[in-house]
């Protein structure tokens, strides 16, 4: 039963998190006056789905530090791209990444709670 709950949690974090994050991402981009090209939207969505699944899985495997490492790598790896951009876009990138990773952790914590109560 535990494996089933964890598998469902990974899928919920990955795909359900997309339904939460995508409208927020669109709203924040409009607020800062940035229209992301259509090509960039699906790539960002795919990365968000993958990172939420990876981070939820890492939590279940006992490696929560992976989440901080991933956030750091993603931020540092994008730093050069943001140096010439408006500050609002970089802040938006950080906010949306933090939101995505928070969704993964919250889903993992809820799944862990359910598993503990079933034991």
Protein backbone atom coordinates (compact mmCIF):
# COMPACT_ATOMS: atom_id res chain seq x y z
CA UNK A 1 0.00 0.00 0.00
CA UNK A 2 2.89 2.35 0.80
CA UNK A 3 4.35 2.02 -2.70
CA UNK A 4 0.96 2.77 -4.24
CA UNK A 5 0.51 5.90 -2.11
CA UNK A 6 4.00 7.15 -2.92
CA UNK A 7 3.54 6.50 -6.64
CA UNK A 8 0.23 8.36 -6.62
CA UNK A 9 1.84 11.21 -4.66
CA UNK A 10 4.60 11.56 -7.26
CA UNK A 11 2.01 11.68 -10.06
CA UNK A 12 -0.17 14.14 -8.14
CA UNK A 13 2.79 16.40 -7.39
CA UNK A 14 4.01 16.27 -10.99
CA UNK A 15 0.78 16.68 -12.91
CA UNK A 16 -1.60 18.11 -10.30
CA UNK A 17 1.05 20.64 -9.37
CA UNK A 18 1.08 21.75 -12.99
CA UNK A 19 -2.61 22.68 -12.75
CA UNK A 20 -1.82 24.80 -9.70
CA UNK A 21 1.38 26.42 -10.93
CA UNK A 22 0.60 27.12 -14.60
CA UNK A 23 -2.20 29.68 -14.04
CA UNK A 24 -0.11 31.39 -11.36
CA UNK A 25 2.85 31.53 -13.75
CA UNK A 26 0.69 33.08 -16.48
CA UNK A 27 -0.71 35.63 -14.02
CA UNK A 28 2.70 36.65 -12.64
CA UNK A 29 4.16 36.97 -16.14
CA UNK A 30 1.35 39.30 -17.13
CA UNK A 31 1.89 41.36 -13.97
CA UNK A 32 5.55 41.96 -14.83
CA UNK A 33 4.78 42.53 -18.51
CA UNK A 34 6.50 39.45 -19.92
CA UNK A 35 4.94 37.25 -22.57
CA UNK A 36 6.80 33.94 -22.79
CA UNK A 37 7.09 32.50 -26.33
CA UNK A 38 4.87 29.47 -26.94
CA UNK A 39 7.94 27.23 -27.32
CA UNK A 40 9.21 28.30 -23.91
CA UNK A 41 5.86 27.62 -22.23
CA UNK A 42 5.73 23.91 -22.99
CA UNK A 43 9.42 23.45 -22.12
CA UNK A 44 8.95 25.22 -18.78
CA UNK A 45 5.84 23.14 -18.11
CA UNK A 46 7.67 19.91 -18.88
CA UNK A 47 10.57 20.89 -16.62
CA UNK A 48 8.14 21.74 -13.81
CA UNK A 49 6.40 18.37 -14.15
CA UNK A 50 9.73 16.55 -14.06
CA UNK A 51 11.19 18.55 -11.17
CA UNK A 52 8.12 18.06 -8.98
CA UNK A 53 8.22 14.31 -9.63
CA UNK A 54 11.97 14.13 -8.97
CA UNK A 55 11.76 16.17 -5.77
CA UNK A 56 8.81 14.20 -4.39
CA UNK A 57 10.67 10.97 -5.19
CA UNK A 58 13.86 12.27 -3.58
CA UNK A 59 11.87 13.10 -0.43
CA UNK A 60 10.50 9.55 -0.28
CA UNK A 61 13.96 8.06 -0.84
CA UNK A 62 15.28 10.00 2.16
CA UNK A 63 17.21 12.65 0.23
CA UNK A 64 15.37 15.93 0.94
CA UNK A 65 18.65 17.81 0.46
CA UNK A 66 18.27 17.09 -3.27
CA UNK A 67 15.53 19.72 -3.34
CA UNK A 68 17.91 22.45 -2.15
CA UNK A 69 20.64 21.24 -4.47
CA UNK A 70 18.23 21.26 -7.42
CA UNK A 71 17.06 24.78 -6.58
CA UNK A 72 20.68 25.95 -6.39
CA UNK A 73 21.74 24.28 -9.65
CA UNK A 74 18.70 25.62 -11.48
CA UNK A 75 19.26 29.15 -10.18
CA UNK A 76 23.03 29.25 -10.74
CA UNK A 77 22.66 27.61 -14.15
CA UNK A 78 20.25 30.35 -15.20
CA UNK A 79 22.18 33.23 -13.64
CA UNK A 80 24.03 34.25 -16.83
CA UNK A 81 20.79 34.43 -18.74
CA UNK A 82 19.24 36.76 -16.17
CA UNK A 83 22.12 39.22 -15.75
CA UNK A 84 20.91 41.37 -18.64
CA UNK A 85 17.21 40.89 -17.95
CA UNK A 86 14.85 42.88 -15.83
CA UNK A 87 14.93 42.09 -12.12
CA UNK A 88 11.23 41.24 -12.17
CA UNK A 89 11.76 38.29 -14.49
CA UNK A 90 14.48 36.77 -12.31
CA UNK A 91 12.35 37.25 -9.19
CA UNK A 92 9.45 35.62 -11.02
CA UNK A 93 11.68 32.69 -12.01
CA UNK A 94 12.76 32.22 -8.37
CA UNK A 95 9.19 32.52 -7.11
CA UNK A 96 7.82 29.97 -9.58
CA UNK A 97 10.66 27.53 -8.89
CA UNK A 98 10.07 27.84 -5.14
CA UNK A 99 6.33 27.33 -5.69
CA UNK A 100 6.94 24.23 -7.79
CA UNK A 101 9.29 22.70 -5.22
CA UNK A 102 6.93 23.63 -2.37
CA UNK A 103 4.11 21.75 -4.09
CA UNK A 104 6.36 18.67 -4.29
CA UNK A 105 7.23 18.85 -0.58
CA UNK A 106 3.65 19.45 0.53
CA UNK A 107 2.38 16.47 -1.46
CA UNK A 108 5.19 14.30 -0.03
CA UNK A 109 4.35 15.39 3.53
CA UNK A 110 0.65 14.66 3.03
CA UNK A 111 1.49 11.22 1.60
CA UNK A 112 3.83 10.49 4.52
CA UNK A 113 1.07 11.48 6.95
CA UNK A 114 -1.42 9.17 5.23
CA UNK A 115 1.08 6.31 5.30
CA UNK A 116 1.78 6.85 9.03
CA UNK A 117 -1.95 6.85 9.84
CA UNK A 118 -2.50 3.62 7.93
CA UNK A 119 0.16 1.79 9.94
